[in-house]
Amino acid sequence: MVKLQISLPEATKRWLDAYAQAGRYRDASDLVRQLIEREQEREDRIAAMQLRVDEARSGGFSIESMADLRERALRQAGKQG
């Protein structure tokens, strides 16, 4: 594991220490590591959603109503299930 030194305002350091001690974290470093991992996972989920949006937009438009689309999706799901 690589060691990294960062500078924080004193109030942030106090918050980190208090939050780490009050929760499931061994120390502030463990908390920061978890926060970074959560942010990475969040960014991955956003990128995956954006990919789906981009794919949907490139797929064109439909003349079917939402009700028609829902009915067709339910029929297809019934055939698969």
Protein backbone atom coordinates (compact mmCIF):
# COMPACT_ATOMS: atom_id res chain seq x y z
CA MET A 1 0.00 0.00 0.00
CA VAL A 2 1.22 3.47 -0.86
CA LYS A 3 1.35 6.15 1.79
CA LEU A 4 -0.06 9.58 0.95
CA GLN A 5 0.14 12.74 2.98
CA ILE A 6 -2.60 15.35 2.61
CA SER A 7 -3.28 18.72 4.17
CA LEU A 8 -6.68 19.39 5.72
CA PRO A 9 -8.22 22.26 7.61
CA GLU A 10 -8.20 21.63 11.35
CA ALA A 11 -12.01 21.42 11.47
CA THR A 12 -12.01 18.69 8.82
CA LYS A 13 -9.34 16.73 10.68
CA ARG A 14 -11.40 16.93 13.90
CA TRP A 15 -14.49 15.74 12.02
CA LEU A 16 -12.58 12.84 10.46
CA ASP A 17 -11.18 11.74 13.81
CA ALA A 18 -14.53 12.02 15.58
CA TYR A 19 -16.40 10.22 12.79
CA ALA A 20 -13.82 7.45 12.64
CA GLN A 21 -13.87 6.89 16.39
CA ALA A 22 -17.67 6.90 16.56
CA GLY A 23 -18.18 4.39 13.77
CA ARG A 24 -16.85 1.25 12.26
CA TYR A 25 -13.50 2.68 11.20
CA ARG A 26 -10.18 1.96 12.86
CA ASP A 27 -8.88 5.45 12.23
CA ALA A 28 -9.18 8.48 9.95
CA SER A 29 -7.08 6.78 7.26
CA ASP A 30 -9.49 3.86 7.12
CA LEU A 31 -12.41 6.29 6.82
CA VAL A 32 -10.75 8.27 4.02
CA ARG A 33 -9.94 5.05 2.15
CA GLN A 34 -13.61 3.97 2.40
CA LEU A 35 -14.86 7.38 1.28
CA ILE A 36 -12.60 7.25 -1.78
CA GLU A 37 -13.74 3.71 -2.62
CA ARG A 38 -17.39 4.78 -2.35
CA GLU A 39 -16.75 7.73 -4.64
CA GLN A 40 -15.05 5.47 -7.19
CA GLU A 41 -18.02 3.08 -7.10
CA ARG A 42 -20.41 6.01 -7.45
CA GLU A 43 -18.53 7.29 -10.50
CA ASP A 44 -18.61 3.80 -12.03
CA ARG A 45 -22.40 3.62 -11.54
CA ILE A 46 -22.85 7.06 -13.09
CA ALA A 47 -20.70 6.09 -16.07
CA ALA A 48 -22.76 2.91 -16.56
CA MET A 49 -26.01 4.90 -16.42
CA GLN A 50 -24.64 7.46 -18.88
CA LEU A 51 -23.70 4.64 -21.25
CA ARG A 52 -27.29 3.34 -21.10
CA VAL A 53 -28.64 6.84 -21.76
CA ASP A 54 -26.29 7.29 -24.70
CA GLU A 55 -27.29 3.90 -26.12
CA ALA A 56 -30.97 4.74 -25.72
CA ARG A 57 -30.55 8.11 -27.41
CA SER A 58 -28.71 6.58 -30.35
CA GLY A 59 -31.49 4.01 -30.75
CA GLY A 60 -33.89 6.52 -32.22
CA PHE A 61 -37.47 7.37 -31.38
CA SER A 62 -40.54 5.23 -31.03
CA ILE A 63 -44.09 6.00 -32.05
CA GLU A 64 -45.36 3.65 -29.33
CA SER A 65 -46.91 5.19 -26.24
CA MET A 66 -45.59 4.39 -22.76
CA ALA A 67 -48.61 2.15 -22.24
CA ASP A 68 -47.80 0.26 -25.47
CA LEU A 69 -44.16 -0.11 -24.48
CA ARG A 70 -45.13 -1.36 -21.03
CA GLU A 71 -47.60 -3.88 -22.46
CA ARG A 72 -45.02 -5.20 -24.92
CA ALA A 73 -42.38 -5.45 -22.19
CA LEU A 74 -44.78 -7.37 -19.95
CA ARG A 75 -45.64 -9.76 -22.80
CA GLN A 76 -41.96 -10.36 -23.51
CA ALA A 77 -41.23 -10.88 -19.80
CA GLY A 78 -44.08 -13.41 -19.63
CA LYS A 79 -42.59 -15.38 -22.50
CA GLN A 80 -39.20 -15.49 -20.77
CA GLY A 81 -40.52 -16.34 -17.30
